[in-house]
């Protein structure tokens, strides 16, 4: 089963560490200092947006039925055997028509007019930890790289833990309330 980058919006502080890590991982230097000093500006593929009081990291969801693949006039946008939707390493080159940018339901594909190319999350930022750079950089654990089943289990366990904690808290409160009346 393939893994996805999942977001726990409640944990996101909006620190943008994920954006920086992504840009550095995709830079020629692959270090923060090298990326800053490099003539070519490193490009992030994850974007932290604010919606009301929530910070929301957005990156390509690698949709099952990806509209960007269907819209790509050049045929550059394709799905790899790992399930990653990308315009890199395929048979055709990106022509810079920006159709993928226009049809992306999440708005996470960037156009680079000077390079006549579209840029998006390509999941090409792994190291020996087998996690994307954005996940490794997140200080709060708001981003996780898990299978959908693992995410569902963690949500269930989290719900059970919260429910159990509430029950214990209520029992403790009732017990302490009862003791105070007996005194």
N, C-alpha and C. Protein backbone atom coordinates (compact mmCIF):
# COMPACT_ATOMS: atom_id res chain seq x y z
N UNK A 1 0.85 -1.18 0.00
CA UNK A 1 0.00 0.00 0.00
C UNK A 1 0.89 1.24 0.00
N UNK A 2 0.53 2.21 -0.81
CA UNK A 2 1.35 3.41 -0.93
C UNK A 2 1.16 4.33 0.27
N UNK A 3 2.18 5.13 0.53
CA UNK A 3 2.13 6.07 1.64
C UNK A 3 1.77 7.45 1.13
N UNK A 4 1.21 8.25 2.01
CA UNK A 4 0.81 9.62 1.70
C UNK A 4 1.33 10.55 2.79
N UNK A 5 1.51 11.81 2.43
CA UNK A 5 1.84 12.83 3.43
C UNK A 5 0.51 13.32 3.97
N UNK A 6 0.27 13.04 5.23
CA UNK A 6 -0.99 13.44 5.86
C UNK A 6 -0.73 14.57 6.85
N UNK A 7 -1.73 15.41 7.02
CA UNK A 7 -1.58 16.62 7.83
C UNK A 7 -2.55 16.58 9.01
N UNK A 8 -2.03 16.85 10.20
CA UNK A 8 -2.86 17.08 11.37
C UNK A 8 -2.87 18.59 11.58
N UNK A 9 -3.93 19.23 11.10
CA UNK A 9 -4.00 20.69 11.11
C UNK A 9 -3.95 21.28 12.51
N UNK A 10 -4.39 20.53 13.49
CA UNK A 10 -4.39 21.02 14.87
C UNK A 10 -2.96 21.22 15.39
N UNK A 11 -2.01 20.48 14.83
CA UNK A 11 -0.63 20.56 15.31
C UNK A 11 0.22 21.58 14.56
N UNK A 12 -0.25 22.05 13.41
CA UNK A 12 0.57 22.95 12.58
C UNK A 12 0.65 24.35 13.20
N UNK A 13 1.88 24.82 13.40
CA UNK A 13 2.12 26.16 13.96
C UNK A 13 2.28 27.22 12.87
N UNK A 14 2.45 26.78 11.64
CA UNK A 14 2.71 27.72 10.55
C UNK A 14 4.14 28.21 10.53
N UNK A 15 5.07 27.43 11.04
CA UNK A 15 6.48 27.85 11.14
C UNK A 15 7.20 27.81 9.79
N UNK A 16 6.64 27.12 8.83
CA UNK A 16 7.18 27.00 7.47
C UNK A 16 8.48 26.22 7.39
N UNK A 17 8.80 25.43 8.42
CA UNK A 17 9.99 24.57 8.36
C UNK A 17 9.88 23.58 7.21
N UNK A 18 8.66 23.13 6.94
CA UNK A 18 8.44 22.18 5.84
C UNK A 18 8.77 22.82 4.49
N UNK A 19 8.40 24.09 4.32
CA UNK A 19 8.69 24.81 3.07
C UNK A 19 10.20 24.95 2.87
N UNK A 20 10.90 25.32 3.92
CA UNK A 20 12.35 25.51 3.83
C UNK A 20 13.03 24.18 3.53
N UNK A 21 12.65 23.13 4.25
CA UNK A 21 13.25 21.81 4.03
C UNK A 21 13.01 21.32 2.61
N UNK A 22 11.83 21.55 2.10
CA UNK A 22 11.49 21.14 0.74
C UNK A 22 12.36 21.88 -0.28
N UNK A 23 12.46 23.19 -0.12
CA UNK A 23 13.26 23.99 -1.05
C UNK A 23 14.73 23.57 -1.01
N UNK A 24 15.26 23.36 0.19
CA UNK A 24 16.66 22.97 0.33
C UNK A 24 16.89 21.58 -0.28
N UNK A 25 15.98 20.65 -0.03
CA UNK A 25 16.12 19.29 -0.57
C UNK A 25 16.11 19.28 -2.10
N UNK A 26 15.42 20.24 -2.69
CA UNK A 26 15.35 20.31 -4.15
C UNK A 26 16.37 21.28 -4.76
N UNK A 27 17.22 21.86 -3.91
CA UNK A 27 18.25 22.78 -4.43
C UNK A 27 19.44 21.97 -4.93
N UNK A 28 20.29 22.60 -5.71
CA UNK A 28 21.49 21.93 -6.21
C UNK A 28 22.45 21.62 -5.07
N UNK A 29 22.51 22.49 -4.06
CA UNK A 29 23.44 22.32 -2.96
C UNK A 29 22.95 21.31 -1.92
N UNK A 30 21.65 21.23 -1.73
CA UNK A 30 21.01 20.34 -0.75
C UNK A 30 21.40 20.66 0.70
N UNK A 31 21.90 21.88 0.95
CA UNK A 31 22.12 22.37 2.31
C UNK A 31 21.53 23.77 2.37
N UNK A 32 21.15 24.21 3.56
CA UNK A 32 20.53 25.52 3.70
C UNK A 32 21.46 26.64 3.25
N UNK A 33 22.69 26.62 3.72
CA UNK A 33 23.65 27.67 3.35
C UNK A 33 23.90 27.63 1.84
N UNK A 34 24.11 26.44 1.31
CA UNK A 34 24.35 26.30 -0.12
C UNK A 34 23.17 26.77 -0.95
N UNK A 35 21.96 26.47 -0.49
CA UNK A 35 20.75 26.89 -1.21
C UNK A 35 20.61 28.40 -1.21
N UNK A 36 20.93 29.04 -0.09
CA UNK A 36 20.83 30.50 0.01
C UNK A 36 21.88 31.17 -0.87
N UNK A 37 23.09 30.62 -0.89
CA UNK A 37 24.18 31.22 -1.66
C UNK A 37 24.13 30.89 -3.16
N UNK A 38 23.35 29.89 -3.52
CA UNK A 38 23.26 29.47 -4.92
C UNK A 38 22.58 30.55 -5.76
N UNK A 39 23.02 30.73 -6.99
CA UNK A 39 22.41 31.71 -7.89
C UNK A 39 20.97 31.36 -8.23
N UNK A 40 20.70 30.07 -8.37
CA UNK A 40 19.35 29.64 -8.72
C UNK A 40 18.53 29.47 -7.44
N UNK A 41 17.45 30.22 -7.33
CA UNK A 41 16.61 30.19 -6.13
C UNK A 41 15.98 28.81 -5.97
N UNK A 42 16.12 28.19 -4.77
CA UNK A 42 15.49 26.89 -4.56
C UNK A 42 13.97 27.04 -4.52
N UNK A 43 13.28 26.03 -5.01
CA UNK A 43 11.82 26.08 -5.11
C UNK A 43 11.16 25.10 -4.16
N UNK A 44 10.24 25.61 -3.37
CA UNK A 44 9.47 24.75 -2.48
C UNK A 44 8.33 24.13 -3.26
N UNK A 45 7.89 22.98 -2.79
CA UNK A 45 6.77 22.28 -3.41
C UNK A 45 5.65 22.03 -2.42
N UNK A 46 5.77 22.63 -1.24
CA UNK A 46 4.72 22.59 -0.22
C UNK A 46 4.50 24.04 0.19
N UNK A 47 3.25 24.38 0.48
CA UNK A 47 2.89 25.76 0.78
C UNK A 47 2.04 25.80 2.03
N UNK A 48 2.44 26.62 3.01
CA UNK A 48 1.65 26.78 4.23
C UNK A 48 0.74 27.99 4.03
N UNK A 49 -0.55 27.72 4.01
CA UNK A 49 -1.56 28.78 3.85
C UNK A 49 -2.29 28.97 5.16
N UNK A 50 -2.87 30.14 5.33
CA UNK A 50 -3.69 30.39 6.51
C UNK A 50 -5.13 30.56 6.08
N UNK A 51 -6.01 29.79 6.71
CA UNK A 51 -7.44 29.90 6.48
C UNK A 51 -8.07 30.14 7.85
N UNK A 52 -8.56 31.34 8.03
CA UNK A 52 -9.06 31.82 9.33
C UNK A 52 -7.95 31.66 10.36
N UNK A 53 -8.17 30.86 11.39
CA UNK A 53 -7.15 30.72 12.43
C UNK A 53 -6.31 29.46 12.26
N UNK A 54 -6.49 28.73 11.17
CA UNK A 54 -5.75 27.49 10.93
C UNK A 54 -4.62 27.70 9.93
N UNK A 55 -3.51 27.05 10.17
CA UNK A 55 -2.40 26.99 9.22
C UNK A 55 -2.54 25.65 8.49
N UNK A 56 -2.49 25.71 7.17
CA UNK A 56 -2.74 24.50 6.39
C UNK A 56 -1.61 24.27 5.39
N UNK A 57 -0.74 23.28 5.66
CA UNK A 57 0.29 22.93 4.67
C UNK A 57 -0.36 22.18 3.51
N UNK A 58 -0.09 22.64 2.30
CA UNK A 58 -0.65 22.00 1.11
C UNK A 58 0.47 21.57 0.17
N UNK A 59 0.35 20.36 -0.33
CA UNK A 59 1.24 19.87 -1.38
C UNK A 59 0.42 18.94 -2.25
N UNK A 60 1.02 18.49 -3.33
CA UNK A 60 0.30 17.62 -4.26
C UNK A 60 -0.24 16.39 -3.53
N UNK A 61 -1.48 16.06 -3.79
CA UNK A 61 -2.11 14.89 -3.18
C UNK A 61 -1.95 13.66 -4.05
N UNK A 62 -1.33 13.80 -5.22
CA UNK A 62 -1.12 12.68 -6.15
C UNK A 62 -2.44 11.93 -6.36
N UNK A 63 -3.44 12.69 -6.78
CA UNK A 63 -4.82 12.23 -6.94
C UNK A 63 -4.91 10.92 -7.72
N UNK A 64 -5.85 10.07 -7.31
CA UNK A 64 -6.11 8.83 -8.06
C UNK A 64 -6.46 9.14 -9.50
N UNK A 65 -7.39 10.05 -9.70
CA UNK A 65 -7.77 10.49 -11.04
C UNK A 65 -7.28 11.93 -11.19
N UNK A 66 -5.99 12.07 -11.43
CA UNK A 66 -5.34 13.37 -11.44
C UNK A 66 -5.72 14.20 -12.67
N UNK A 67 -6.41 15.33 -12.45
CA UNK A 67 -6.80 16.17 -13.59
C UNK A 67 -5.60 16.76 -14.32
N UNK A 68 -4.48 16.91 -13.63
CA UNK A 68 -3.28 17.47 -14.27
C UNK A 68 -2.73 16.53 -15.34
N UNK A 69 -2.87 15.23 -15.14
CA UNK A 69 -2.41 14.27 -16.15
C UNK A 69 -3.26 14.39 -17.40
N UNK A 70 -4.57 14.44 -17.20
CA UNK A 70 -5.49 14.55 -18.35
C UNK A 70 -5.31 15.87 -19.09
N UNK A 71 -5.00 16.94 -18.37
CA UNK A 71 -4.92 18.27 -18.98
C UNK A 71 -3.58 18.55 -19.66
N UNK A 72 -2.56 17.76 -19.36
CA UNK A 72 -1.21 18.04 -19.87
C UNK A 72 -1.15 17.83 -21.38
N UNK A 73 -1.04 18.92 -22.10
CA UNK A 73 -1.01 18.89 -23.57
C UNK A 73 0.22 18.15 -24.09
N UNK A 74 1.37 18.36 -23.44
CA UNK A 74 2.62 17.75 -23.89
C UNK A 74 2.71 16.27 -23.52
N UNK A 75 1.88 15.83 -22.58
CA UNK A 75 1.96 14.45 -22.12
C UNK A 75 3.09 14.23 -21.13
N UNK A 76 3.62 15.30 -20.58
CA UNK A 76 4.73 15.19 -19.63
C UNK A 76 4.27 14.73 -18.25
N UNK A 77 3.08 15.13 -17.83
CA UNK A 77 2.56 14.76 -16.52
C UNK A 77 2.13 13.29 -16.57
N UNK A 78 2.67 12.50 -15.67
CA UNK A 78 2.38 11.07 -15.66
C UNK A 78 2.46 10.54 -14.23
N UNK A 79 2.02 9.31 -14.04
CA UNK A 79 2.08 8.65 -12.74
C UNK A 79 3.20 7.61 -12.79
N UNK A 80 4.07 7.63 -11.79
CA UNK A 80 5.15 6.64 -11.73
C UNK A 80 4.60 5.33 -11.19
N UNK A 81 5.42 4.30 -11.22
CA UNK A 81 4.99 2.99 -10.70
C UNK A 81 4.76 3.05 -9.19
N UNK A 82 5.34 4.05 -8.51
CA UNK A 82 5.12 4.23 -7.06
C UNK A 82 3.87 5.04 -6.77
N UNK A 83 3.18 5.52 -7.81
CA UNK A 83 1.96 6.28 -7.62
C UNK A 83 2.16 7.79 -7.55
N UNK A 84 3.38 8.25 -7.77
CA UNK A 84 3.68 9.68 -7.72
C UNK A 84 3.33 10.33 -9.05
N UNK A 85 2.56 11.41 -9.00
CA UNK A 85 2.22 12.17 -10.20
C UNK A 85 3.32 13.21 -10.39
N UNK A 86 3.97 13.19 -11.55
CA UNK A 86 5.10 14.09 -11.80
C UNK A 86 5.22 14.43 -13.28
N UNK A 87 5.93 15.49 -13.57
CA UNK A 87 6.26 15.81 -14.96
C UNK A 87 7.76 15.65 -15.20
N UNK A 88 8.43 15.00 -14.29
CA UNK A 88 9.87 14.75 -14.40
C UNK A 88 10.13 13.30 -14.82
N UNK A 89 11.16 13.10 -15.62
CA UNK A 89 11.61 11.75 -15.95
C UNK A 89 10.72 10.94 -16.86
N UNK A 90 9.77 11.57 -17.50
CA UNK A 90 8.89 10.85 -18.41
C UNK A 90 9.42 10.88 -19.83
N UNK A 91 8.61 10.40 -20.74
CA UNK A 91 8.98 10.37 -22.16
C UNK A 91 8.99 11.78 -22.74
N UNK A 92 8.05 12.61 -22.30
CA UNK A 92 7.90 13.95 -22.87
C UNK A 92 8.36 15.03 -21.89
N UNK A 93 8.76 16.16 -22.43
CA UNK A 93 9.18 17.33 -21.64
C UNK A 93 8.00 18.24 -21.39
N UNK A 94 8.00 18.91 -20.24
CA UNK A 94 6.98 19.92 -19.94
C UNK A 94 7.17 21.09 -20.90
N UNK A 95 6.08 21.50 -21.54
CA UNK A 95 6.16 22.59 -22.52
C UNK A 95 5.83 23.95 -21.91
N UNK A 96 5.42 23.97 -20.66
CA UNK A 96 5.08 25.24 -20.02
C UNK A 96 3.74 25.79 -20.46
N UNK A 97 2.78 24.92 -20.77
CA UNK A 97 1.46 25.40 -21.20
C UNK A 97 0.60 25.82 -20.00
N UNK A 98 0.95 25.34 -18.79
CA UNK A 98 0.30 25.67 -17.52
C UNK A 98 -1.11 25.10 -17.38
N UNK A 99 -1.50 24.18 -18.24
CA UNK A 99 -2.83 23.57 -18.09
C UNK A 99 -2.93 22.85 -16.74
N UNK A 100 -1.87 22.20 -16.32
CA UNK A 100 -1.88 21.50 -15.04
C UNK A 100 -2.08 22.48 -13.88
N UNK A 101 -1.48 23.65 -13.99
CA UNK A 101 -1.61 24.69 -12.97
C UNK A 101 -3.08 25.12 -12.86
N UNK A 102 -3.72 25.26 -14.01
CA UNK A 102 -5.11 25.73 -14.03
C UNK A 102 -6.11 24.71 -13.50
N UNK A 103 -5.85 23.41 -13.70
CA UNK A 103 -6.84 22.41 -13.31
C UNK A 103 -6.59 21.79 -11.94
N UNK A 104 -5.44 22.06 -11.31
CA UNK A 104 -5.14 21.45 -10.02
C UNK A 104 -6.17 21.92 -8.98
N UNK A 105 -6.93 20.98 -8.39
CA UNK A 105 -7.95 21.38 -7.41
C UNK A 105 -7.37 21.93 -6.11
N UNK A 106 -6.09 21.69 -5.86
CA UNK A 106 -5.46 22.16 -4.62
C UNK A 106 -4.60 23.40 -4.83
N UNK A 107 -4.38 23.78 -6.08
CA UNK A 107 -3.57 24.96 -6.37
C UNK A 107 -2.13 24.84 -5.95
N UNK A 108 -1.56 23.65 -6.08
CA UNK A 108 -0.19 23.42 -5.59
C UNK A 108 0.83 23.17 -6.70
N UNK A 109 0.45 23.41 -7.94
CA UNK A 109 1.40 23.31 -9.04
C UNK A 109 1.80 24.73 -9.43
N UNK A 110 3.11 25.00 -9.42
CA UNK A 110 3.63 26.34 -9.73
C UNK A 110 4.10 26.41 -11.17
N UNK A 111 3.89 27.57 -11.77
CA UNK A 111 4.42 27.79 -13.11
C UNK A 111 5.71 28.59 -13.01
N UNK A 112 6.67 28.20 -13.78
CA UNK A 112 7.95 28.91 -13.84
C UNK A 112 8.14 29.42 -15.26
N UNK A 113 7.61 30.62 -15.55
CA UNK A 113 7.68 31.14 -16.91
C UNK A 113 9.09 31.25 -17.47
N UNK A 114 10.06 31.63 -16.62
CA UNK A 114 11.43 31.78 -17.11
C UNK A 114 12.04 30.45 -17.54
N UNK A 115 11.56 29.35 -16.97
CA UNK A 115 12.06 28.03 -17.35
C UNK A 115 11.08 27.25 -18.22
N UNK A 116 9.90 27.84 -18.47
CA UNK A 116 8.83 27.18 -19.22
C UNK A 116 8.58 25.77 -18.68
N UNK A 117 8.28 25.73 -17.39
CA UNK A 117 8.11 24.45 -16.73
C UNK A 117 7.15 24.59 -15.56
N UNK A 118 6.45 23.53 -15.26
CA UNK A 118 5.60 23.47 -14.07
C UNK A 118 6.36 22.69 -13.00
N UNK A 119 6.21 23.11 -11.74
CA UNK A 119 6.89 22.45 -10.62
C UNK A 119 5.86 22.06 -9.59
N UNK A 120 5.98 20.82 -9.08
CA UNK A 120 5.07 20.31 -8.06
C UNK A 120 5.81 19.30 -7.20
N UNK A 121 5.17 18.86 -6.15
CA UNK A 121 5.75 17.83 -5.29
C UNK A 121 6.03 16.58 -6.12
N UNK A 122 7.28 16.15 -6.08
CA UNK A 122 7.67 14.97 -6.85
C UNK A 122 8.15 13.84 -5.94
N UNK A 123 8.09 14.09 -4.64
CA UNK A 123 8.55 13.13 -3.64
C UNK A 123 9.97 12.65 -3.91
N UNK A 124 10.79 13.54 -4.43
CA UNK A 124 12.19 13.21 -4.72
C UNK A 124 13.10 13.78 -3.65
N UNK A 125 12.64 13.80 -2.42
CA UNK A 125 13.41 14.45 -1.34
C UNK A 125 13.60 13.51 -0.15
N UNK A 126 13.76 12.23 -0.43
CA UNK A 126 13.94 11.24 0.63
C UNK A 126 15.41 11.07 0.95
N UNK A 127 15.69 10.65 2.17
CA UNK A 127 17.04 10.25 2.52
C UNK A 127 16.95 8.87 3.17
N UNK A 128 17.93 8.51 3.96
CA UNK A 128 17.95 7.17 4.56
C UNK A 128 16.80 6.92 5.54
N UNK A 129 16.09 7.96 5.97
CA UNK A 129 14.97 7.78 6.90
C UNK A 129 13.69 7.34 6.22
N UNK A 130 13.66 7.36 4.89
CA UNK A 130 12.48 6.99 4.10
C UNK A 130 11.28 7.89 4.41
N UNK A 131 11.58 9.16 4.69
CA UNK A 131 10.53 10.16 4.88
C UNK A 131 10.86 11.38 4.03
N UNK A 132 9.85 12.06 3.52
CA UNK A 132 10.11 13.29 2.76
C UNK A 132 10.70 14.37 3.66
N UNK A 133 11.43 15.29 3.06
CA UNK A 133 12.09 16.37 3.81
C UNK A 133 11.10 17.17 4.64
N UNK A 134 9.91 17.44 4.09
CA UNK A 134 8.93 18.25 4.82
C UNK A 134 8.48 17.56 6.11
N UNK A 135 8.32 16.24 6.05
CA UNK A 135 7.89 15.48 7.24
C UNK A 135 9.01 15.49 8.28
N UNK A 136 10.24 15.25 7.84
CA UNK A 136 11.38 15.24 8.77
C UNK A 136 11.55 16.59 9.46
N UNK A 137 11.26 17.67 8.76
CA UNK A 137 11.50 19.01 9.30
C UNK A 137 10.41 19.51 10.24
N UNK A 138 9.25 18.90 10.22
CA UNK A 138 8.12 19.40 11.01
C UNK A 138 8.38 19.20 12.51
N UNK A 139 8.51 20.28 13.29
CA UNK A 139 8.84 20.15 14.70
C UNK A 139 7.70 19.65 15.58
N UNK A 140 6.47 19.74 15.10
CA UNK A 140 5.32 19.36 15.93
C UNK A 140 4.71 18.02 15.54
N UNK A 141 5.18 17.43 14.45
CA UNK A 141 4.59 16.18 13.98
C UNK A 141 3.27 16.39 13.26
N UNK A 142 3.03 17.59 12.78
CA UNK A 142 1.79 17.87 12.04
C UNK A 142 1.77 17.12 10.71
N UNK A 143 2.94 16.87 10.14
CA UNK A 143 3.04 16.11 8.90
C UNK A 143 3.52 14.71 9.22
N UNK A 144 2.89 13.73 8.61
CA UNK A 144 3.33 12.34 8.78
C UNK A 144 3.27 11.65 7.43
N UNK A 145 4.13 10.67 7.25
CA UNK A 145 4.21 9.91 6.00
C UNK A 145 3.81 8.49 6.32
N UNK A 146 2.54 8.19 6.11
CA UNK A 146 1.97 6.90 6.51
C UNK A 146 1.02 6.38 5.44
N UNK A 147 0.68 5.10 5.58
CA UNK A 147 -0.37 4.57 4.72
C UNK A 147 -1.70 5.08 5.25
N UNK A 148 -2.70 5.05 4.43
CA UNK A 148 -4.03 5.51 4.85
C UNK A 148 -4.53 4.64 6.00
N UNK A 149 -4.22 3.34 5.97
CA UNK A 149 -4.62 2.45 7.06
C UNK A 149 -3.96 2.85 8.38
N UNK A 150 -2.66 3.17 8.33
CA UNK A 150 -1.95 3.59 9.54
C UNK A 150 -2.56 4.87 10.10
N UNK A 151 -2.91 5.79 9.22
CA UNK A 151 -3.51 7.05 9.65
C UNK A 151 -4.85 6.78 10.32
N UNK A 152 -5.65 5.90 9.72
CA UNK A 152 -6.95 5.56 10.30
C UNK A 152 -6.80 4.94 11.67
N UNK A 153 -5.81 4.05 11.83
CA UNK A 153 -5.57 3.42 13.12
C UNK A 153 -5.15 4.46 14.15
N UNK A 154 -4.26 5.36 13.77
CA UNK A 154 -3.81 6.38 14.73
C UNK A 154 -4.97 7.26 15.15
N UNK A 155 -5.87 7.57 14.21
CA UNK A 155 -7.05 8.38 14.55
C UNK A 155 -7.95 7.61 15.51
N UNK A 156 -8.15 6.30 15.24
CA UNK A 156 -8.98 5.49 16.13
C UNK A 156 -8.36 5.42 17.51
N UNK A 157 -7.04 5.14 17.57
CA UNK A 157 -6.37 5.06 18.86
C UNK A 157 -6.41 6.40 19.58
N UNK A 158 -6.24 7.47 18.83
CA UNK A 158 -6.33 8.81 19.42
C UNK A 158 -7.70 9.07 20.00
N UNK A 159 -8.75 8.67 19.26
CA UNK A 159 -10.12 8.83 19.73
C UNK A 159 -10.34 7.99 20.99
N UNK A 160 -9.88 6.73 20.97
CA UNK A 160 -10.04 5.86 22.13
C UNK A 160 -9.30 6.42 23.34
N UNK A 161 -8.09 6.95 23.12
CA UNK A 161 -7.32 7.53 24.21
C UNK A 161 -8.06 8.73 24.80
N UNK A 162 -8.59 9.59 23.93
CA UNK A 162 -9.34 10.76 24.40
C UNK A 162 -10.58 10.33 25.18
N UNK A 163 -11.30 9.34 24.63
CA UNK A 163 -12.51 8.85 25.30
C UNK A 163 -12.15 8.26 26.66
N UNK A 164 -11.10 7.44 26.71
CA UNK A 164 -10.66 6.81 27.95
C UNK A 164 -10.24 7.88 28.96
N UNK A 165 -9.49 8.88 28.50
CA UNK A 165 -9.04 9.97 29.38
C UNK A 165 -10.23 10.73 29.95
N UNK A 166 -11.24 10.97 29.12
CA UNK A 166 -12.44 11.68 29.57
C UNK A 166 -13.17 10.87 30.64
N UNK A 167 -13.30 9.57 30.40
CA UNK A 167 -13.98 8.70 31.38
C UNK A 167 -13.23 8.71 32.70
N UNK A 168 -11.90 8.53 32.65
CA UNK A 168 -11.08 8.53 33.87
C UNK A 168 -11.20 9.87 34.59
N UNK A 169 -11.14 10.95 33.82
CA UNK A 169 -11.25 12.28 34.39
C UNK A 169 -12.59 12.46 35.10
N UNK A 170 -13.67 12.02 34.45
CA UNK A 170 -15.00 12.14 35.04
C UNK A 170 -15.14 11.27 36.28
N UNK A 171 -14.59 10.05 36.23
CA UNK A 171 -14.64 9.17 37.40
C UNK A 171 -13.86 9.78 38.56
N UNK A 172 -12.69 10.32 38.27
CA UNK A 172 -11.87 10.95 39.31
C UNK A 172 -12.60 12.13 39.92
N UNK A 173 -13.27 12.90 39.08
CA UNK A 173 -14.01 14.07 39.56
C UNK A 173 -15.16 13.62 40.46
N UNK A 174 -15.90 12.59 40.02
CA UNK A 174 -17.02 12.08 40.82
C UNK A 174 -16.52 11.55 42.15
N UNK A 175 -15.37 10.84 42.10
CA UNK A 175 -14.80 10.27 43.31
C UNK A 175 -14.39 11.38 44.28
N UNK A 176 -13.73 12.42 43.76
CA UNK A 176 -13.30 13.51 44.63
C UNK A 176 -14.50 14.31 45.13
N UNK A 177 -15.54 14.46 44.30
CA UNK A 177 -16.75 15.15 44.73
C UNK A 177 -17.41 14.39 45.87
N UNK A 178 -17.45 13.07 45.76
CA UNK A 178 -18.06 12.23 46.79
C UNK A 178 -17.30 12.31 48.10
N UNK A 179 -15.97 12.36 48.05
CA UNK A 179 -15.15 12.43 49.25
C UNK A 179 -15.34 13.75 49.97
N UNK A 180 -15.47 14.81 49.22
CA UNK A 180 -15.63 16.12 49.83
C UNK A 180 -16.95 16.18 50.60
N UNK A 181 -18.00 15.50 50.08
CA UNK A 181 -19.29 15.53 50.76
C UNK A 181 -19.25 14.74 52.05
N UNK A 182 -18.42 13.68 52.12
CA UNK A 182 -18.36 12.83 53.30
C UNK A 182 -17.60 13.49 54.44
N UNK A 183 -16.79 14.45 54.18
CA UNK A 183 -15.95 15.04 55.22
C UNK A 183 -16.71 15.85 56.15
